[in-house]
PDB file of N, CA and C in Angstrom:
ATOM      1  N   MET A   1      15.756  14.247  51.286  1.00  0.00           N
ATOM      2  CA  MET A   1      14.361  14.333  51.652  1.00  0.00           C
ATOM      3  C   MET A   1      13.729  12.960  51.489  1.00  0.00           C
ATOM      4  N   VAL A   2      12.901  12.603  52.432  1.00  0.00           N
ATOM      5  CA  VAL A   2      12.191  11.333  52.389  1.00  0.00           C
ATOM      6  C   VAL A   2      10.734  11.625  52.095  1.00  0.00           C
ATOM      7  N   VAL A   3      10.181  10.917  51.130  1.00  0.00           N
ATOM      8  CA  VAL A   3       8.784  11.099  50.757  1.00  0.00           C
ATOM      9  C   VAL A   3       8.036   9.819  51.061  1.00  0.00           C
ATOM     10  N   ASP A   4       6.957   9.942  51.827  1.00  0.00           N
ATOM     11  CA  ASP A   4       6.107   8.795  52.137  1.00  0.00           C
ATOM     12  C   ASP A   4       4.902   8.857  51.209  1.00  0.00           C
ATOM     13  N   GLN A   5       5.002   8.168  50.073  1.00  0.00           N
ATOM     14  CA  GLN A   5       3.935   8.189  49.066  1.00  0.00           C
ATOM     15  C   GLN A   5       2.588   7.787  49.652  1.00  0.00           C
ATOM     16  N   ALA A   6       2.590   6.837  50.576  1.00  0.00           N
ATOM     17  CA  ALA A   6       1.334   6.344  51.146  1.00  0.00           C
ATOM     18  C   ALA A   6       0.631   7.408  51.978  1.00  0.00           C
ATOM     19  N   ALA A   7       1.366   8.364  52.496  1.00  0.00           N
ATOM     20  CA  ALA A   7       0.774   9.401  53.343  1.00  0.00           C
ATOM     21  C   ALA A   7       0.175  10.546  52.536  1.00  0.00           C
ATOM     22  N   CYS A   8       0.505  10.645  51.255  1.00  0.00           N
ATOM     23  CA  CYS A   8       0.024  11.756  50.425  1.00  0.00           C
ATOM     24  C   CYS A   8      -1.466  11.596  50.130  1.00  0.00           C
ATOM     25  N   VAL A   9      -2.232  12.644  50.426  1.00  0.00           N
ATOM     26  CA  VAL A   9      -3.670  12.639  50.150  1.00  0.00           C
ATOM     27  C   VAL A   9      -4.032  13.596  49.025  1.00  0.00           C
ATOM     28  N   GLY A  10      -3.017  14.230  48.422  1.00  0.00           N
ATOM     29  CA  GLY A  10      -3.249  15.114  47.287  1.00  0.00           C
ATOM     30  C   GLY A  10      -3.785  16.486  47.639  1.00  0.00           C
ATOM     31  N   CYS A  11      -3.533  16.950  48.848  1.00  0.00           N
ATOM     32  CA  CYS A  11      -4.053  18.265  49.266  1.00  0.00           C
ATOM     33  C   CYS A  11      -3.252  19.420  48.661  1.00  0.00           C
ATOM     34  N   LEU A  12      -2.051  19.132  48.166  1.00  0.00           N
ATOM     35  CA  LEU A  12      -1.147  20.100  47.547  1.00  0.00           C
ATOM     36  C   LEU A  12      -0.583  21.131  48.528  1.00  0.00           C
ATOM     37  N   GLY A  13      -0.770  20.885  49.812  1.00  0.00           N
ATOM     38  CA  GLY A  13      -0.229  21.778  50.835  1.00  0.00           C
ATOM     39  C   GLY A  13       1.281  21.872  50.777  1.00  0.00           C
ATOM     40  N   CYS A  14       1.949  20.785  50.441  1.00  0.00           N
ATOM     41  CA  CYS A  14       3.414  20.804  50.355  1.00  0.00           C
ATOM     42  C   CYS A  14       3.881  21.674  49.195  1.00  0.00           C
ATOM     43  N   GLU A  15       3.154  21.657  48.082  1.00  0.00           N
ATOM     44  CA  GLU A  15       3.495  22.523  46.947  1.00  0.00           C
ATOM     45  C   GLU A  15       3.395  23.987  47.358  1.00  0.00           C
ATOM     46  N   MET A  16       2.317  24.340  48.039  1.00  0.00           N
ATOM     47  CA  MET A  16       2.113  25.716  48.467  1.00  0.00           C
ATOM     48  C   MET A  16       3.158  26.134  49.496  1.00  0.00           C
ATOM     49  N   ALA A  17       3.477  25.239  50.423  1.00  0.00           N
ATOM     50  CA  ALA A  17       4.476  25.561  51.458  1.00  0.00           C
ATOM     51  C   ALA A  17       5.840  25.789  50.833  1.00  0.00           C
ATOM     52  N   CYS A  18       6.211  24.989  49.848  1.00  0.00           N
ATOM     53  CA  CYS A  18       7.493  25.148  49.171  1.00  0.00           C
ATOM     54  C   CYS A  18       7.544  26.495  48.444  1.00  0.00           C
ATOM     55  N   ALA A  19       6.508  26.813  47.703  1.00  0.00           N
ATOM     56  CA  ALA A  19       6.462  28.081  46.968  1.00  0.00           C
ATOM     57  C   ALA A  19       6.522  29.264  47.925  1.00  0.00           C
ATOM     58  N   ASN A  20       5.831  29.150  49.029  1.00  0.00           N
ATOM     59  CA  ASN A  20       5.820  30.237  50.002  1.00  0.00           C
ATOM     60  C   ASN A  20       7.186  30.378  50.681  1.00  0.00           C
ATOM     61  N   ALA A  21       7.829  29.254  50.973  1.00  0.00           N
ATOM     62  CA  ALA A  21       9.126  29.290  51.652  1.00  0.00           C
ATOM     63  C   ALA A  21      10.209  29.923  50.790  1.00  0.00           C
ATOM     64  N   PHE A  22      10.222  29.619  49.513  1.00  0.00           N
ATOM     65  CA  PHE A  22      11.305  30.094  48.654  1.00  0.00           C
ATOM     66  C   PHE A  22      10.973  31.335  47.840  1.00  0.00           C
ATOM     67  N   TYR A  23       9.694  31.526  47.508  1.00  0.00           N
ATOM     68  CA  TYR A  23       9.315  32.668  46.672  1.00  0.00           C
ATOM     69  C   TYR A  23       8.342  33.623  47.354  1.00  0.00           C
ATOM     70  N   LYS A  24       7.954  33.295  48.579  1.00  0.00           N
ATOM     71  CA  LYS A  24       7.042  34.143  49.361  1.00  0.00           C
ATOM     72  C   LYS A  24       5.727  34.391  48.630  1.00  0.00           C
ATOM     73  N   GLU A  25       5.249  33.370  47.932  1.00  0.00           N
ATOM     74  CA  GLU A  25       3.953  33.458  47.276  1.00  0.00           C
ATOM     75  C   GLU A  25       3.305  32.084  47.249  1.00  0.00           C
ATOM     76  N   LEU A  26       1.987  32.071  47.243  1.00  0.00           N
ATOM     77  CA  LEU A  26       1.247  30.818  47.191  1.00  0.00           C
ATOM     78  C   LEU A  26       0.943  30.480  45.740  1.00  0.00           C
ATOM     79  N   ASN A  27       1.982  30.065  45.022  1.00  0.00           N
ATOM     80  CA  ASN A  27       1.880  29.768  43.602  1.00  0.00           C
ATOM     81  C   ASN A  27       2.539  28.414  43.358  1.00  0.00           C
ATOM     82  N   PRO A  28       1.760  27.350  43.189  1.00  0.00           N
ATOM     83  CA  PRO A  28       2.352  26.022  43.013  1.00  0.00           C
ATOM     84  C   PRO A  28       3.202  25.883  41.759  1.00  0.00           C
ATOM     85  N   GLU A  29       3.072  26.814  40.815  1.00  0.00           N
ATOM     86  CA  GLU A  29       3.874  26.757  39.589  1.00  0.00           C
ATOM     87  C   GLU A  29       5.362  26.952  39.864  1.00  0.00           C
ATOM     88  N   VAL A  30       5.722  27.618  40.968  1.00  0.00           N
ATOM     89  CA  VAL A  30       7.125  27.843  41.291  1.00  0.00           C
ATOM     90  C   VAL A  30       7.632  26.885  42.370  1.00  0.00           C
ATOM     91  N   SER A  31       6.814  25.959  42.776  1.00  0.00           N
ATOM     92  CA  SER A  31       7.203  24.990  43.799  1.00  0.00           C
ATOM     93  C   SER A  31       8.158  23.948  43.224  1.00  0.00           C
ATOM     94  N   CYS A  32       9.082  23.491  44.037  1.00  0.00           N
ATOM     95  CA  CYS A  32       9.982  22.397  43.639  1.00  0.00           C
ATOM     96  C   CYS A  32       9.457  21.065  44.137  1.00  0.00           C
ATOM     97  N   ILE A  33       8.166  21.016  44.376  1.00  0.00           N
ATOM     98  CA  ILE A  33       7.458  19.785  44.710  1.00  0.00           C
ATOM     99  C   ILE A  33       6.283  19.708  43.747  1.00  0.00           C
ATOM    100  N   ARG A  34       6.071  18.554  43.163  1.00  0.00           N
ATOM    101  CA  ARG A  34       4.934  18.355  42.262  1.00  0.00           C
ATOM    102  C   ARG A  34       4.202  17.084  42.676  1.00  0.00           C
ATOM    103  N   ILE A  35       2.889  17.183  42.738  1.00  0.00           N
ATOM    104  CA  ILE A  35       2.048  16.021  42.988  1.00  0.00           C
ATOM    105  C   ILE A  35       1.336  15.720  41.673  1.00  0.00           C
ATOM    106  N   GLU A  36       1.564  14.525  41.162  1.00  0.00           N
ATOM    107  CA  GLU A  36       0.955  14.131  39.891  1.00  0.00           C
ATOM    108  C   GLU A  36       0.051  12.934  40.107  1.00  0.00           C
ATOM    109  N   GLU A  37      -1.041  12.914  39.361  1.00  0.00           N
ATOM    110  CA  GLU A  37      -1.941  11.767  39.424  1.00  0.00           C
ATOM    111  C   GLU A  37      -1.581  10.803  38.301  1.00  0.00           C
ATOM    112  N   GLU A  38      -1.380   9.562  38.667  1.00  0.00           N
ATOM    113  CA  GLU A  38      -1.046   8.522  37.697  1.00  0.00           C
ATOM    114  C   GLU A  38      -2.314   8.056  36.985  1.00  0.00           C
ATOM    115  N   GLU A  39      -2.158   7.291  35.929  1.00  0.00           N
ATOM    116  CA  GLU A  39      -3.305   6.792  35.163  1.00  0.00           C
ATOM    117  C   GLU A  39      -4.246   5.941  36.013  1.00  0.00           C
ATOM    118  N   ASP A  40      -3.678   5.230  36.995  1.00  0.00           N
ATOM    119  CA  ASP A  40      -4.502   4.373  37.846  1.00  0.00           C
ATOM    120  C   ASP A  40      -5.144   5.135  39.009  1.00  0.00           C
ATOM    121  N   GLY A  41      -4.961   6.457  39.054  1.00  0.00           N
ATOM    122  CA  GLY A  41      -5.554   7.275  40.098  1.00  0.00           C
ATOM    123  C   GLY A  41      -4.668   7.475  41.316  1.00  0.00           C
ATOM    124  N   SER A  42      -3.557   6.765  41.377  1.00  0.00           N
ATOM    125  CA  SER A  42      -2.647   6.938  42.512  1.00  0.00           C
ATOM    126  C   SER A  42      -1.881   8.253  42.353  1.00  0.00           C
ATOM    127  N   LEU A  43      -1.315   8.715  43.439  1.00  0.00           N
ATOM    128  CA  LEU A  43      -0.574   9.974  43.431  1.00  0.00           C
ATOM    129  C   LEU A  43       0.920   9.712  43.461  1.00  0.00           C
ATOM    130  N   LYS A  44       1.663  10.518  42.724  1.00  0.00           N
ATOM    131  CA  LYS A  44       3.116  10.416  42.690  1.00  0.00           C
ATOM    132  C   LYS A  44       3.678  11.757  43.127  1.00  0.00           C
ATOM    133  N   THR A  45       4.580  11.733  44.106  1.00  0.00           N
ATOM    134  CA  THR A  45       5.192  12.941  44.622  1.00  0.00           C
ATOM    135  C   THR A  45       6.587  13.092  44.042  1.00  0.00           C
ATOM    136  N   LEU A  46       6.828  14.207  43.364  1.00  0.00           N
ATOM    137  CA  LEU A  46       8.133  14.513  42.793  1.00  0.00           C
ATOM    138  C   LEU A  46       8.727  15.664  43.586  1.00  0.00           C
ATOM    139  N   VAL A  47       9.967  15.505  44.031  1.00  0.00           N
ATOM    140  CA  VAL A  47      10.611  16.497  44.889  1.00  0.00           C
ATOM    141  C   VAL A  47      12.016  16.775  44.381  1.00  0.00           C
ATOM    142  N   CYS A  48      12.413  18.044  44.395  1.00  0.00           N
ATOM    143  CA  CYS A  48      13.789  18.406  44.059  1.00  0.00           C
ATOM    144  C   CYS A  48      14.709  17.758  45.085  1.00  0.00           C
ATOM    145  N   VAL A  49      15.676  17.007  44.603  1.00  0.00           N
ATOM    146  CA  VAL A  49      16.612  16.308  45.497  1.00  0.00           C
ATOM    147  C   VAL A  49      17.984  16.972  45.512  1.00  0.00           C
ATOM    148  N   GLN A  50      18.057  18.197  44.988  1.00  0.00           N
ATOM    149  CA  GLN A  50      19.304  18.965  44.978  1.00  0.00           C
ATOM    150  C   GLN A  50      20.441  18.184  44.307  1.00  0.00           C
ATOM    151  N   CYS A  51      20.129  17.547  43.169  1.00  0.00           N
ATOM    152  CA  CYS A  51      21.124  16.730  42.474  1.00  0.00           C
ATOM    153  C   CYS A  51      22.174  17.568  41.756  1.00  0.00           C
ATOM    154  N   GLY A  52      21.834  18.806  41.413  1.00  0.00           N
ATOM    155  CA  GLY A  52      22.784  19.693  40.764  1.00  0.00           C
ATOM    156  C   GLY A  52      22.799  19.625  39.250  1.00  0.00           C
ATOM    157  N   LYS A  53      21.950  18.793  38.651  1.00  0.00           N
ATOM    158  CA  LYS A  53      21.939  18.680  37.190  1.00  0.00           C
ATOM    159  C   LYS A  53      21.520  19.991  36.524  1.00  0.00           C
ATOM    160  N   CYS A  54      20.665  20.750  37.170  1.00  0.00           N
ATOM    161  CA  CYS A  54      20.261  22.059  36.622  1.00  0.00           C
ATOM    162  C   CYS A  54      21.456  23.005  36.602  1.00  0.00           C
ATOM    163  N   ALA A  55      22.233  22.991  37.666  1.00  0.00           N
ATOM    164  CA  ALA A  55      23.416  23.859  37.739  1.00  0.00           C
ATOM    165  C   ALA A  55      24.450  23.466  36.691  1.00  0.00           C
ATOM    166  N   GLU A  56      24.623  22.168  36.485  1.00  0.00           N
ATOM    167  CA  GLU A  56      25.569  21.686  35.474  1.00  0.00           C
ATOM    168  C   GLU A  56      25.138  22.087  34.072  1.00  0.00           C
ATOM    169  N   ALA A  57      23.833  22.133  33.830  1.00  0.00           N
ATOM    170  CA  ALA A  57      23.310  22.427  32.490  1.00  0.00           C
ATOM    171  C   ALA A  57      23.313  23.912  32.159  1.00  0.00           C
ATOM    172  N   CYS A  58      23.336  24.754  33.168  1.00  0.00           N
ATOM    173  CA  CYS A  58      23.254  26.205  32.931  1.00  0.00           C
ATOM    174  C   CYS A  58      24.489  26.696  32.181  1.00  0.00           C
ATOM    175  N   PRO A  59      24.301  27.195  30.946  1.00  0.00           N
ATOM    176  CA  PRO A  59      25.450  27.638  30.153  1.00  0.00           C
ATOM    177  C   PRO A  59      26.061  28.944  30.662  1.00  0.00           C
ATOM    178  N   PHE A  60      25.378  29.613  31.595  1.00  0.00           N
ATOM    179  CA  PHE A  60      25.852  30.899  32.094  1.00  0.00           C
ATOM    180  C   PHE A  60      26.434  30.809  33.502  1.00  0.00           C
ATOM    181  N   GLY A  61      26.403  29.610  34.095  1.00  0.00           N
ATOM    182  CA  GLY A  61      26.953  29.439  35.432  1.00  0.00           C
ATOM    183  C   GLY A  61      26.177  30.174  36.511  1.00  0.00           C
ATOM    184  N   VAL A  62      24.901  30.384  36.250  1.00  0.00           N
ATOM    185  CA  VAL A  62      24.068  31.137  37.182  1.00  0.00           C
ATOM    186  C   VAL A  62      23.722  30.303  38.415  1.00  0.00           C
ATOM    187  N   LEU A  63      23.336  29.073  38.199  1.00  0.00           N
ATOM    188  CA  LEU A  63      22.883  28.234  39.303  1.00  0.00           C
ATOM    189  C   LEU A  63      24.053  27.593  40.024  1.00  0.00           C
ATOM    190  N   VAL A  64      23.992  27.646  41.318  1.00  0.00           N
ATOM    191  CA  VAL A  64      24.984  26.978  42.154  1.00  0.00           C
ATOM    192  C   VAL A  64      24.241  26.276  43.281  1.00  0.00           C
ATOM    193  N   LYS A  65      24.754  25.130  43.698  1.00  0.00           N
ATOM    194  CA  LYS A  65      24.153  24.449  44.832  1.00  0.00           C
ATOM    195  C   LYS A  65      24.505  25.243  46.086  1.00  0.00           C
ATOM    196  N   SER A  66      23.484  25.739  46.762  1.00  0.00           N
ATOM    197  CA  SER A  66      23.730  26.519  47.967  1.00  0.00           C
ATOM    198  C   SER A  66      22.577  26.347  48.937  1.00  0.00           C
ATOM    199  N   GLU A  67      22.798  26.749  50.156  1.00  0.00           N
ATOM    200  CA  GLU A  67      21.768  26.637  51.179  1.00  0.00           C
ATOM    201  C   GLU A  67      20.705  27.726  51.068  1.00  0.00           C
ATOM    202  N   ASP A  68      21.041  28.883  50.497  1.00  0.00           N
ATOM    203  CA  ASP A  68      20.086  29.988  50.499  1.00  0.00           C
ATOM    204  C   ASP A  68      19.044  29.897  49.388  1.00  0.00           C
ATOM    205  N   LYS A  69      19.253  29.045  48.391  1.00  0.00           N
ATOM    206  CA  LYS A  69      18.302  28.780  47.306  1.00  0.00           C
ATOM    207  C   LYS A  69      18.021  29.994  46.430  1.00  0.00           C
ATOM    208  N   ASP A  70      18.788  31.068  46.546  1.00  0.00           N
ATOM    209  CA  ASP A  70      18.562  32.248  45.717  1.00  0.00           C
ATOM    210  C   ASP A  70      19.170  32.064  44.335  1.00  0.00           C
ATOM    211  N   VAL A  71      18.442  32.504  43.311  1.00  0.00           N
ATOM    212  CA  VAL A  71      18.948  32.467  41.945  1.00  0.00           C
ATOM    213  C   VAL A  71      19.481  33.855  41.618  1.00  0.00           C
ATOM    214  N   PRO A  72      20.743  33.958  41.249  1.00  0.00           N
ATOM    215  CA  PRO A  72      21.320  35.277  40.936  1.00  0.00           C
ATOM    216  C   PRO A  72      20.559  35.993  39.831  1.00  0.00           C
ATOM    217  N   SER A  73      20.656  37.310  39.825  1.00  0.00           N
ATOM    218  CA  SER A  73      19.877  38.126  38.895  1.00  0.00           C
ATOM    219  C   SER A  73      20.326  37.996  37.442  1.00  0.00           C
ATOM    220  N   LYS A  74      21.472  37.381  37.157  1.00  0.00           N
ATOM    221  CA  LYS A  74      21.903  37.268  35.768  1.00  0.00           C
ATOM    222  C   LYS A  74      21.216  36.126  35.008  1.00  0.00           C
ATOM    223  N   CYS A  75      20.258  35.460  35.645  1.00  0.00           N
ATOM    224  CA  CYS A  75      19.468  34.429  34.968  1.00  0.00           C
ATOM    225  C   CYS A  75      18.647  35.094  33.869  1.00  0.00           C
ATOM    226  N   ILE A  76      18.703  34.525  32.647  1.00  0.00           N
ATOM    227  CA  ILE A  76      17.937  35.088  31.530  1.00  0.00           C
ATOM    228  C   ILE A  76      16.687  34.263  31.220  1.00  0.00           C
ATOM    229  N   ALA A  77      16.371  33.300  32.091  1.00  0.00           N
ATOM    230  CA  ALA A  77      15.169  32.468  31.962  1.00  0.00           C
ATOM    231  C   ALA A  77      15.134  31.694  30.648  1.00  0.00           C
ATOM    232  N   CYS A  78      16.285  31.141  30.244  1.00  0.00           N
ATOM    233  CA  CYS A  78      16.352  30.388  28.991  1.00  0.00           C
ATOM    234  C   CYS A  78      15.664  29.030  29.093  1.00  0.00           C
ATOM    235  N   GLY A  79      15.546  28.492  30.299  1.00  0.00           N
ATOM    236  CA  GLY A  79      14.842  27.227  30.505  1.00  0.00           C
ATOM    237  C   GLY A  79      15.683  25.978  30.348  1.00  0.00           C
ATOM    238  N   ILE A  80      16.957  26.104  30.062  1.00  0.00           N
ATOM    239  CA  ILE A  80      17.819  24.928  29.910  1.00  0.00           C
ATOM    240  C   ILE A  80      17.866  24.134  31.209  1.00  0.00           C
ATOM    241  N   CYS A  81      17.901  24.831  32.331  1.00  0.00           N
ATOM    242  CA  CYS A  81      17.929  24.157  33.628  1.00  0.00           C
ATOM    243  C   CYS A  81      16.641  23.373  33.871  1.00  0.00           C
ATOM    244  N   VAL A  82      15.512  23.925  33.449  1.00  0.00           N
ATOM    245  CA  VAL A  82      14.222  23.259  33.607  1.00  0.00           C
ATOM    246  C   VAL A  82      14.219  21.947  32.823  1.00  0.00           C
ATOM    247  N   ASP A  83      14.733  21.996  31.602  1.00  0.00           N
ATOM    248  CA  ASP A  83      14.802  20.797  30.766  1.00  0.00           C
ATOM    249  C   ASP A  83      15.748  19.747  31.341  1.00  0.00           C
ATOM    250  N   ALA A  84      16.774  20.185  32.069  1.00  0.00           N
ATOM    251  CA  ALA A  84      17.767  19.260  32.614  1.00  0.00           C
ATOM    252  C   ALA A  84      17.311  18.576  33.895  1.00  0.00           C
ATOM    253  N   CYS A  85      16.260  19.068  34.524  1.00  0.00           N
ATOM    254  CA  CYS A  85      15.810  18.531  35.818  1.00  0.00           C
ATOM    255  C   CYS A  85      15.230  17.121  35.656  1.00  0.00           C
ATOM    256  N   PRO A  86      15.887  16.098  36.234  1.00  0.00           N
ATOM    257  CA  PRO A  86      15.391  14.729  36.091  1.00  0.00           C
ATOM    258  C   PRO A  86      14.101  14.476  36.866  1.00  0.00           C
ATOM    259  N   GLN A  87      13.819  15.314  37.845  1.00  0.00           N
ATOM    260  CA  GLN A  87      12.583  15.157  38.627  1.00  0.00           C
ATOM    261  C   GLN A  87      11.414  15.939  38.036  1.00  0.00           C
ATOM    262  N   ASN A  88      11.716  16.782  37.040  1.00  0.00           N
ATOM    263  CA  ASN A  88      10.697  17.614  36.393  1.00  0.00           C
ATOM    264  C   ASN A  88       9.979  18.525  37.395  1.00  0.00           C
ATOM    265  N   VAL A  89      10.756  19.115  38.312  1.00  0.00           N
ATOM    266  CA  VAL A  89      10.162  19.983  39.310  1.00  0.00           C
ATOM    267  C   VAL A  89      10.704  21.410  39.281  1.00  0.00           C
ATOM    268  N   LEU A  90      11.705  21.681  38.486  1.00  0.00           N
ATOM    269  CA  LEU A  90      12.273  23.018  38.444  1.00  0.00           C
ATOM    270  C   LEU A  90      11.377  23.932  37.634  1.00  0.00           C
ATOM    271  N   ALA A  91      11.211  25.161  38.109  1.00  0.00           N
ATOM    272  CA  ALA A  91      10.372  26.140  37.419  1.00  0.00           C
ATOM    273  C   ALA A  91      11.094  27.475  37.393  1.00  0.00           C
ATOM    274  N   ILE A  92      10.756  28.294  36.440  1.00  0.00           N
ATOM    275  CA  ILE A  92      11.298  29.642  36.356  1.00  0.00           C
ATOM    276  C   ILE A  92      10.192  30.597  36.750  1.00  0.00           C
ATOM    277  N   GLU A  93      10.466  31.411  37.747  1.00  0.00           N
ATOM    278  CA  GLU A  93       9.485  32.386  38.180  1.00  0.00           C
ATOM    279  C   GLU A  93       9.427  33.514  37.166  1.00  0.00           C
ATOM    280  N   GLU A  94       8.249  33.754  36.632  1.00  0.00           N
ATOM    281  CA  GLU A  94       8.103  34.826  35.657  1.00  0.00           C
ATOM    282  C   GLU A  94       7.933  36.141  36.395  1.00  0.00           C
ATOM    283  N   SER A  95       8.644  37.175  35.902  1.00  0.00           N
ATOM    284  CA  SER A  95       8.569  38.470  36.579  1.00  0.00           C
ATOM    285  C   SER A  95       7.459  39.313  36.031  1.00  0.00           C
TER     286      SER A  95
END
């Protein structure tokens, strides 16, 4: 994925689109895109780059790199994968 930082206006539409595409809800908390405001007021776009570090960290082998983006039901929401994400964009959907 290519991110054009200069084009970001902070509307958060990309966060909502990501959440809607993968979780069918307009909840930016589950988006794998994060827009953060820096101390100088500029915007920083963080995007999941499918690096696989979350899958490597999962002690239960739940996460796998795949095209369908579905998380198997045996996930216990321990959060280890969230902590392993170098982009700080992984979230656990609360049921």
